N, C-alpha and C. Protein backbone atom coordinates (compact mmCIF):
# COMPACT_ATOMS: atom_id res chain seq x y z
N MET A 1 -10.73 7.31 -15.57
CA MET A 1 -10.50 9.12 -15.08
C MET A 1 -11.38 9.10 -14.16
N LYS A 2 -11.19 10.29 -13.07
CA LYS A 2 -12.01 10.17 -12.30
C LYS A 2 -12.31 11.80 -12.72
N TRP A 3 -13.11 12.63 -12.07
CA TRP A 3 -13.35 13.44 -12.28
C TRP A 3 -12.25 15.01 -11.14
N ALA A 4 -11.88 13.86 -10.28
CA ALA A 4 -10.69 15.25 -10.10
C ALA A 4 -9.77 14.99 -10.90
N ALA A 5 -9.96 14.58 -11.75
CA ALA A 5 -8.62 14.56 -13.14
C ALA A 5 -8.91 15.79 -14.27
N ILE A 6 -10.33 16.25 -14.25
CA ILE A 6 -10.08 17.30 -15.21
C ILE A 6 -10.59 18.81 -14.04
N LYS A 7 -10.47 18.22 -13.01
CA LYS A 7 -10.82 19.72 -12.20
C LYS A 7 -9.98 20.78 -12.61
N GLY A 8 -8.74 21.21 -12.89
CA GLY A 8 -8.24 22.19 -13.79
C GLY A 8 -9.07 22.92 -14.52
N LEU A 9 -9.00 21.92 -15.83
CA LEU A 9 -10.27 22.30 -17.00
C LEU A 9 -11.42 23.13 -15.96
N VAL A 10 -12.33 22.56 -15.63
CA VAL A 10 -13.70 22.69 -15.28
C VAL A 10 -13.46 24.14 -14.76
N GLY A 11 -12.90 24.20 -14.19
CA GLY A 11 -12.69 25.34 -13.16
C GLY A 11 -12.14 26.34 -14.01
N ALA A 12 -11.41 26.34 -15.01
CA ALA A 12 -11.46 27.67 -16.13
C ALA A 12 -12.47 28.13 -16.26
N VAL A 13 -13.39 27.60 -16.76
CA VAL A 13 -14.94 27.91 -17.08
C VAL A 13 -15.83 28.13 -16.07
N ALA A 14 -16.04 26.89 -15.06
CA ALA A 14 -16.82 27.05 -14.20
C ALA A 14 -15.95 26.77 -13.13
N PRO A 15 -15.70 28.01 -12.34
CA PRO A 15 -14.99 27.89 -10.88
C PRO A 15 -16.16 27.09 -9.74
N THR A 16 -17.10 27.49 -9.70
CA THR A 16 -17.68 26.74 -8.99
C THR A 16 -18.12 25.40 -8.97
N ILE A 17 -18.00 24.93 -10.15
CA ILE A 17 -18.46 23.42 -10.26
C ILE A 17 -16.99 23.03 -10.63
N GLY A 18 -16.14 23.32 -10.69
CA GLY A 18 -14.64 22.96 -10.77
C GLY A 18 -13.78 23.05 -9.37
N ALA A 19 -14.62 23.54 -8.43
CA ALA A 19 -14.20 23.69 -7.23
C ALA A 19 -14.77 22.43 -6.43
N ALA A 20 -16.00 22.06 -6.83
CA ALA A 20 -16.88 20.93 -5.86
C ALA A 20 -16.18 19.30 -6.47
N ILE A 21 -16.02 19.78 -7.91
CA ILE A 21 -16.12 18.70 -8.94
C ILE A 21 -14.68 17.32 -7.92
N GLY A 22 -13.81 18.18 -7.41
CA GLY A 22 -12.55 17.25 -7.09
C GLY A 22 -12.84 16.69 -5.25
N GLY A 23 -14.04 17.04 -5.05
CA GLY A 23 -14.38 16.61 -3.32
C GLY A 23 -15.07 15.98 -3.06
N PRO A 24 -15.95 16.03 -1.83
CA PRO A 24 -17.00 15.47 -1.94
C PRO A 24 -18.21 15.51 -2.08
N VAL A 25 -18.54 16.15 -2.96
CA VAL A 25 -19.63 16.27 -3.94
C VAL A 25 -19.72 16.59 -5.08
N GLY A 26 -18.73 16.44 -5.64
CA GLY A 26 -17.91 16.06 -6.87
C GLY A 26 -18.53 15.51 -7.95
N GLY A 27 -19.26 14.30 -7.61
CA GLY A 27 -20.38 13.57 -8.51
C GLY A 27 -21.33 14.56 -9.20
N GLY A 28 -22.01 15.25 -8.26
CA GLY A 28 -23.40 15.59 -8.42
C GLY A 28 -22.92 16.86 -9.57
N ALA A 29 -21.61 17.33 -9.07
CA ALA A 29 -21.18 18.82 -9.69
C ALA A 29 -20.98 18.29 -11.68
N GLY A 30 -20.22 17.12 -11.62
CA GLY A 30 -19.99 16.69 -12.60
C GLY A 30 -21.47 16.10 -13.20
N LYS A 31 -22.41 15.93 -12.83
CA LYS A 31 -23.74 15.22 -13.75
C LYS A 31 -24.13 16.91 -13.97
N ILE A 32 -23.90 18.31 -13.21
CA ILE A 32 -24.63 19.46 -13.96
C ILE A 32 -23.81 19.73 -14.75
N LEU A 33 -22.09 19.45 -14.86
CA LEU A 33 -21.72 20.16 -16.57
C LEU A 33 -22.46 19.16 -17.42
N ALA A 34 -21.73 18.24 -16.96
CA ALA A 34 -22.49 17.09 -18.33
C ALA A 34 -23.47 17.52 -18.61
N GLN A 35 -24.90 18.01 -18.09
CA GLN A 35 -25.84 18.07 -18.99
C GLN A 35 -25.70 19.07 -19.48
N ALA A 36 -25.35 20.14 -18.89
CA ALA A 36 -25.30 21.47 -19.51
C ALA A 36 -24.55 21.65 -21.00
N LEU A 37 -23.34 20.55 -21.20
CA LEU A 37 -22.55 19.98 -21.98
C LEU A 37 -23.47 19.27 -22.64
N GLY A 38 -24.17 17.71 -22.67
CA GLY A 38 -25.51 17.09 -23.46
C GLY A 38 -25.14 16.28 -23.58
N VAL A 39 -23.66 15.70 -23.12
CA VAL A 39 -22.60 14.59 -22.57
C VAL A 39 -23.29 13.30 -21.64
N ALA A 40 -23.20 12.05 -21.60
CA ALA A 40 -22.88 11.48 -20.84
C ALA A 40 -21.89 11.76 -19.04
N ALA A 41 -22.86 11.53 -18.38
CA ALA A 41 -22.25 12.08 -16.92
C ALA A 41 -20.48 10.97 -16.57
N GLU A 42 -20.11 11.66 -17.76
CA GLU A 42 -18.26 10.45 -17.18
C GLU A 42 -16.97 11.19 -17.36
N PRO A 43 -16.09 11.62 -16.86
CA PRO A 43 -14.94 12.65 -16.86
C PRO A 43 -14.53 12.61 -18.01
N GLN A 44 -14.44 11.76 -19.07
CA GLN A 44 -13.57 11.73 -20.03
C GLN A 44 -14.98 12.20 -21.27
N ALA A 45 -15.98 12.42 -20.81
CA ALA A 45 -16.77 12.68 -22.41
C ALA A 45 -17.44 13.83 -22.23
N VAL A 46 -17.34 14.45 -20.67
CA VAL A 46 -16.87 15.92 -20.41
C VAL A 46 -16.08 16.82 -20.89
N GLN A 47 -14.73 15.69 -20.53
CA GLN A 47 -13.31 16.20 -21.12
C GLN A 47 -13.51 16.36 -23.07
N ARG A 48 -13.74 15.58 -23.34
CA ARG A 48 -13.77 15.91 -24.62
C ARG A 48 -15.01 17.26 -25.35
N ALA A 49 -15.89 17.09 -24.71
CA ALA A 49 -17.07 18.11 -24.84
C ALA A 49 -16.29 19.49 -24.65
N LEU A 50 -15.70 19.62 -23.30
CA LEU A 50 -14.97 21.11 -23.30
C LEU A 50 -14.15 21.30 -24.19
N SER A 51 -13.49 20.06 -24.56
CA SER A 51 -12.34 20.83 -25.79
C SER A 51 -13.03 20.89 -26.86
N GLU A 52 -14.06 20.87 -27.00
CA GLU A 52 -14.66 21.20 -28.80
C GLU A 52 -15.86 21.70 -28.31
N ALA A 53 -16.40 22.65 -27.06
CA ALA A 53 -17.00 23.70 -26.91
C ALA A 53 -17.38 24.75 -27.45
N SER A 54 -18.90 24.96 -28.07
CA SER A 54 -19.02 26.41 -28.78
C SER A 54 -18.94 26.97 -27.70
N PRO A 55 -18.88 28.31 -28.55
CA PRO A 55 -19.44 29.42 -27.46
C PRO A 55 -21.02 29.62 -26.50
N GLU A 56 -21.96 29.05 -27.36
CA GLU A 56 -23.12 28.93 -26.85
C GLU A 56 -22.70 27.58 -25.22
N GLN A 57 -22.07 26.50 -25.65
CA GLN A 57 -21.98 25.37 -24.36
C GLN A 57 -21.35 26.11 -23.94
N LEU A 58 -20.61 26.89 -23.91
CA LEU A 58 -19.84 27.47 -22.83
C LEU A 58 -20.31 28.44 -21.87
N ALA A 59 -21.28 29.31 -22.79
CA ALA A 59 -22.23 30.33 -21.80
C ALA A 59 -23.10 29.50 -20.87
N ASP A 60 -23.54 28.16 -21.55
CA ASP A 60 -24.98 27.12 -20.74
C ASP A 60 -23.51 26.90 -19.66
N ILE A 61 -22.61 26.96 -19.48
CA ILE A 61 -21.72 26.02 -18.33
C ILE A 61 -22.00 27.38 -17.63
N LYS A 62 -21.19 28.20 -17.72
CA LYS A 62 -21.42 29.50 -16.87
C LYS A 62 -22.81 29.72 -16.47
N LYS A 63 -24.20 29.51 -17.22
CA LYS A 63 -25.07 29.16 -16.59
C LYS A 63 -25.30 28.51 -15.08
N ALA A 64 -24.77 27.20 -15.55
CA ALA A 64 -24.76 25.91 -14.77
C ALA A 64 -24.40 26.40 -13.59
N ASP A 65 -22.95 27.29 -13.62
CA ASP A 65 -22.18 27.09 -12.50
C ASP A 65 -22.59 28.32 -11.38
N LEU A 66 -23.02 29.53 -11.82
CA LEU A 66 -24.19 30.19 -11.34
C LEU A 66 -25.10 29.75 -10.37
N ALA A 67 -26.14 28.95 -11.11
CA ALA A 67 -27.11 28.58 -10.55
C ALA A 67 -27.12 27.11 -9.47
N TYR A 68 -25.83 26.39 -9.72
CA TYR A 68 -25.36 25.76 -8.47
C TYR A 68 -24.26 26.37 -7.50
N LYS A 69 -24.11 27.58 -7.62
CA LYS A 69 -23.60 28.48 -6.61
C LYS A 69 -24.75 28.74 -5.91
N THR A 70 -25.87 29.27 -6.62
CA THR A 70 -27.13 29.50 -6.10
C THR A 70 -27.06 29.03 -5.04
N LYS A 71 -27.54 27.37 -5.51
CA LYS A 71 -28.47 26.38 -4.84
C LYS A 71 -27.18 26.01 -3.61
N LEU A 72 -26.37 25.76 -3.57
CA LEU A 72 -24.92 25.42 -2.56
C LEU A 72 -25.14 26.31 -1.84
N ALA A 73 -25.54 28.32 -2.48
CA ALA A 73 -24.99 28.90 -0.74
C ALA A 73 -27.10 28.66 0.01
N GLU A 74 -27.97 28.73 -1.30
CA GLU A 74 -29.28 28.03 -0.71
C GLU A 74 -29.23 26.38 0.64
N LEU A 75 -28.47 26.03 0.20
CA LEU A 75 -28.54 24.74 1.15
C LEU A 75 -27.53 24.71 2.09
N GLU A 76 -26.90 26.34 1.91
CA GLU A 76 -25.52 26.61 2.98
C GLU A 76 -24.30 25.52 2.88
N VAL A 77 -24.04 25.12 1.76
CA VAL A 77 -23.17 24.16 1.52
C VAL A 77 -21.56 24.99 1.47
N ASP A 78 -20.98 24.87 1.80
CA ASP A 78 -19.23 25.50 2.20
C ASP A 78 -18.35 24.64 1.62
N ILE A 79 -18.23 24.12 0.02
CA ILE A 79 -16.90 23.32 -0.31
C ILE A 79 -15.54 23.33 0.03
N PHE A 80 -15.12 24.41 0.44
CA PHE A 80 -14.16 24.70 1.10
C PHE A 80 -14.01 23.88 3.01
N GLU A 81 -14.94 24.13 3.58
CA GLU A 81 -15.18 23.43 4.74
C GLU A 81 -15.20 22.33 4.56
N LEU A 82 -16.54 21.32 3.58
CA LEU A 82 -16.09 20.23 3.46
C LEU A 82 -14.98 19.40 3.16
N GLU A 83 -13.97 19.94 2.32
CA GLU A 83 -12.88 19.57 1.49
C GLU A 83 -11.98 19.46 3.14
N THR A 84 -11.78 20.70 3.85
CA THR A 84 -11.31 21.24 5.33
C THR A 84 -11.42 20.42 5.83
N ALA A 85 -12.79 19.42 5.80
CA ALA A 85 -13.66 18.60 7.00
C ALA A 85 -13.06 17.32 6.73
N ASP A 86 -12.56 16.69 5.51
CA ASP A 86 -12.22 15.67 5.21
C ASP A 86 -10.78 15.44 5.08
N ILE A 87 -9.50 16.49 4.74
CA ILE A 87 -8.26 16.67 5.16
C ILE A 87 -7.97 16.50 7.20
N GLN A 88 -8.73 17.20 7.83
CA GLN A 88 -8.52 16.83 9.18
C GLN A 88 -9.05 15.32 9.74
N ASP A 89 -10.26 14.55 8.72
CA ASP A 89 -10.46 13.21 9.36
C ASP A 89 -9.32 12.39 8.42
N ALA A 90 -8.30 12.77 7.64
CA ALA A 90 -7.08 11.96 7.15
C ALA A 90 -6.39 12.21 8.16
N ARG A 91 -5.67 13.52 8.77
CA ARG A 91 -5.28 13.53 9.67
C ARG A 91 -5.78 12.96 10.98
N LYS A 92 -7.05 12.86 11.56
CA LYS A 92 -6.83 12.12 12.54
C LYS A 92 -7.23 10.54 12.71
N ALA A 93 -7.21 10.14 11.14
CA ALA A 93 -6.72 8.75 10.98
C ALA A 93 -5.62 8.60 11.42
N HIS A 94 -4.62 9.10 11.07
CA HIS A 94 -3.34 8.83 11.37
C HIS A 94 -2.74 9.50 13.14
N ASP A 95 -3.45 9.40 13.59
CA ASP A 95 -3.60 9.66 15.01
C ASP A 95 -2.36 8.92 15.78
N ASN A 96 -3.03 7.35 15.51
CA ASN A 96 -2.55 6.70 16.29
C ASN A 96 -1.52 5.17 15.63
N ASP A 97 -1.10 6.04 15.12
CA ASP A 97 0.01 5.38 13.17
C ASP A 97 0.86 6.03 13.69
N TYR A 98 2.14 5.57 13.83
CA TYR A 98 2.83 6.45 13.79
C TYR A 98 3.84 6.15 12.87
N THR A 99 3.19 5.54 11.78
CA THR A 99 4.33 5.98 10.58
C THR A 99 4.77 6.83 9.99
N PRO A 100 3.73 7.31 9.49
CA PRO A 100 3.71 9.14 9.17
C PRO A 100 4.54 9.89 9.80
N LYS A 101 4.31 9.71 10.95
CA LYS A 101 5.57 10.58 12.21
C LYS A 101 7.12 10.51 11.71
N VAL A 102 6.80 8.98 11.76
CA VAL A 102 8.55 8.30 11.27
C VAL A 102 8.87 8.85 9.97
N LEU A 103 8.25 8.72 8.89
CA LEU A 103 8.54 8.94 7.67
C LEU A 103 8.91 10.67 8.27
N ALA A 104 8.23 11.23 8.49
CA ALA A 104 8.44 13.02 8.27
C ALA A 104 9.95 13.02 9.25
N VAL A 105 9.84 12.31 10.57
CA VAL A 105 11.51 12.24 10.73
C VAL A 105 12.49 11.96 9.78
N LEU A 106 12.17 11.26 9.27
CA LEU A 106 13.52 10.51 8.39
C LEU A 106 13.36 11.64 7.11
N ALA A 107 12.85 11.83 6.40
CA ALA A 107 12.58 13.54 5.62
C ALA A 107 13.52 14.11 5.92
N PHE A 108 13.38 14.90 7.29
CA PHE A 108 14.26 15.81 7.96
C PHE A 108 15.17 15.03 8.02
N VAL A 109 15.50 14.32 8.31
CA VAL A 109 16.99 14.34 8.70
C VAL A 109 17.57 13.41 7.68
N PHE A 110 17.15 12.89 6.73
CA PHE A 110 17.67 13.06 4.87
C PHE A 110 18.23 14.28 4.71
N PHE A 111 17.14 15.20 4.70
CA PHE A 111 17.50 16.89 3.90
C PHE A 111 18.28 17.29 4.73
N GLY A 112 18.54 17.31 5.97
CA GLY A 112 19.58 18.15 7.10
C GLY A 112 20.95 17.30 6.56
N GLY A 113 20.72 15.86 6.78
CA GLY A 113 22.58 15.12 6.43
C GLY A 113 22.58 15.27 5.05
N TYR A 114 22.18 15.42 3.80
CA TYR A 114 22.09 15.67 2.68
C TYR A 114 22.68 16.95 2.65
N VAL A 115 21.95 17.86 2.78
CA VAL A 115 22.54 19.18 2.88
C VAL A 115 24.04 19.91 3.29
N SER A 116 24.03 18.91 4.67
CA SER A 116 25.50 18.97 5.23
C SER A 116 26.29 18.15 4.72
N MET A 117 26.10 17.37 4.16
CA MET A 117 27.45 16.87 3.63
C MET A 117 27.51 17.26 2.20
N VAL A 118 26.86 17.96 0.96
CA VAL A 118 27.18 18.67 0.13
C VAL A 118 27.42 19.66 0.45
N THR A 119 27.07 20.56 1.71
CA THR A 119 27.82 21.75 2.24
C THR A 119 29.57 21.55 2.50
N LEU A 120 29.44 20.66 3.52
CA LEU A 120 30.77 20.27 4.03
C LEU A 120 31.52 19.58 3.06
N LEU A 121 31.55 18.66 2.46
CA LEU A 121 32.34 17.95 1.41
C LEU A 121 32.69 18.69 0.09
N PRO A 122 34.46 19.08 -0.05
CA PRO A 122 34.67 20.06 -0.73
C PRO A 122 34.79 19.41 -1.99
N ASP A 123 34.17 18.22 -2.64
CA ASP A 123 34.36 17.96 -4.32
C ASP A 123 33.81 17.56 -4.20
N GLN A 124 32.74 17.90 -4.45
CA GLN A 124 30.99 17.76 -5.49
C GLN A 124 31.58 17.48 -7.10
N GLN A 125 31.43 16.38 -7.87
CA GLN A 125 31.67 16.10 -9.28
C GLN A 125 29.94 16.61 -10.40
N ASN A 126 29.31 16.22 -9.64
CA ASN A 126 28.03 16.36 -10.28
C ASN A 126 26.60 17.17 -9.86
N GLU A 127 27.10 18.35 -9.66
CA GLU A 127 25.74 19.66 -9.58
C GLU A 127 24.61 18.83 -9.84
N ALA A 128 24.37 18.37 -10.83
CA ALA A 128 22.82 17.82 -11.62
C ALA A 128 22.50 16.95 -10.67
N VAL A 129 22.89 15.83 -10.20
CA VAL A 129 22.12 15.62 -9.41
C VAL A 129 22.20 16.08 -8.01
N ILE A 130 23.10 16.41 -7.02
CA ILE A 130 23.27 17.46 -6.28
C ILE A 130 21.68 17.98 -6.10
N ASN A 131 21.37 19.14 -7.30
CA ASN A 131 19.91 19.63 -7.47
C ASN A 131 18.81 19.02 -7.32
N LEU A 132 18.49 17.34 -7.94
CA LEU A 132 18.05 16.85 -8.33
C LEU A 132 17.70 16.11 -6.56
N VAL A 133 18.66 16.05 -6.22
CA VAL A 133 18.13 15.47 -4.80
C VAL A 133 17.61 16.42 -3.69
N LEU A 134 18.28 17.51 -3.58
CA LEU A 134 18.01 18.21 -2.45
C LEU A 134 16.35 18.88 -3.33
N GLY A 135 16.56 18.86 -5.00
CA GLY A 135 14.69 19.54 -4.45
C GLY A 135 13.67 18.53 -4.41
N TYR A 136 14.21 17.04 -4.60
CA TYR A 136 13.29 15.93 -4.28
C TYR A 136 13.14 16.47 -3.00
N LEU A 137 14.21 16.05 -2.00
CA LEU A 137 13.85 16.15 -0.57
C LEU A 137 13.37 17.24 -0.08
N GLY A 138 13.49 18.53 -0.74
CA GLY A 138 12.95 19.64 -0.42
C GLY A 138 11.35 19.49 -0.61
N GLY A 139 11.09 19.35 -1.23
CA GLY A 139 9.38 18.76 -1.89
C GLY A 139 9.15 17.97 -0.73
N VAL A 140 9.58 16.84 -0.69
CA VAL A 140 9.14 15.65 0.65
C VAL A 140 9.01 16.70 2.15
N VAL A 141 10.18 17.60 2.34
CA VAL A 141 9.99 17.95 3.35
C VAL A 141 8.72 19.50 3.57
N SER A 142 8.93 19.99 2.47
CA SER A 142 7.68 21.02 1.95
C SER A 142 6.42 19.99 2.04
N ALA A 143 5.54 19.04 1.87
CA ALA A 143 4.33 18.04 1.73
C ALA A 143 4.45 17.92 3.59
N VAL A 144 5.71 17.58 4.24
CA VAL A 144 5.51 17.29 5.70
C VAL A 144 4.49 18.26 6.00
N VAL A 145 5.72 19.47 6.02
CA VAL A 145 5.54 20.80 6.81
C VAL A 145 3.91 20.82 6.49
N SER A 146 3.49 21.26 5.30
CA SER A 146 2.33 21.61 5.15
C SER A 146 0.54 20.24 5.31
N PHE A 147 1.65 18.87 5.52
CA PHE A 147 0.62 18.11 5.81
C PHE A 147 0.28 18.44 7.88
N TYR A 148 1.47 18.98 8.32
CA TYR A 148 1.16 18.83 10.01
C TYR A 148 1.11 20.11 10.25
N PHE A 149 1.31 21.91 9.66
CA PHE A 149 1.43 22.69 9.98
C PHE A 149 0.76 23.62 8.92
N GLY A 150 0.02 22.81 7.98
CA GLY A 150 -0.62 23.37 6.86
C GLY A 150 -2.35 24.13 7.53
N ALA A 151 -2.28 24.99 6.40
CA ALA A 151 -3.54 25.87 6.62
C ALA A 151 -4.55 25.33 7.06
N SER A 152 -5.03 24.44 7.24
CA SER A 152 -6.09 23.43 7.48
C SER A 152 -5.84 22.57 9.02
N ASN A 153 -4.95 22.52 8.85
CA ASN A 153 -4.85 22.14 10.39
C ASN A 153 -5.32 22.80 11.40
N LYS A 154 -6.35 22.72 11.96
CA LYS A 154 -7.16 23.62 13.00
C LYS A 154 -6.37 23.36 14.67
N ALA A 155 -6.05 22.06 14.20
CA ALA A 155 -5.77 21.46 15.82
C ALA A 155 -5.07 22.43 16.72
N GLY A 156 -4.32 23.44 16.34
CA GLY A 156 -3.92 24.27 17.33
C GLY A 156 -4.32 25.39 17.97
N LYS A 157 -5.95 25.52 16.85
CA LYS A 157 -6.35 27.38 16.61
C LYS A 157 -7.41 26.94 18.08
């Protein structure tokens, strides 16, 4: 198990550490959380300790989260900026690779083709399969749009 797997659980108790735990500074945030819980700095141990945490331990976690937030502010570290830079690097790595672009075009072609087929053909027997395929293709197209035109894409700005 990796730190990112418990990001949501941690974020509910300690939002700053939770935001950091899945990103580039996640290991350090995980160690701080483990120290507050008094367990080994391993995701499984932290997850187990969080599920059995006492009110005192939860208060310690909140104090550690506040201290971590203060330390990040002192160091002028912006977790969101680090995550965004990481995403931008992923996009730049694909600039010379046509595979993602070809797959993106294919996703749109298949989605449009399937919607046209379902709309134009008069006799569809299995609505569950149609809905399943439309939902899946819609999710793929949504991911493509988010990758190329999402909020973290600053190429056009």
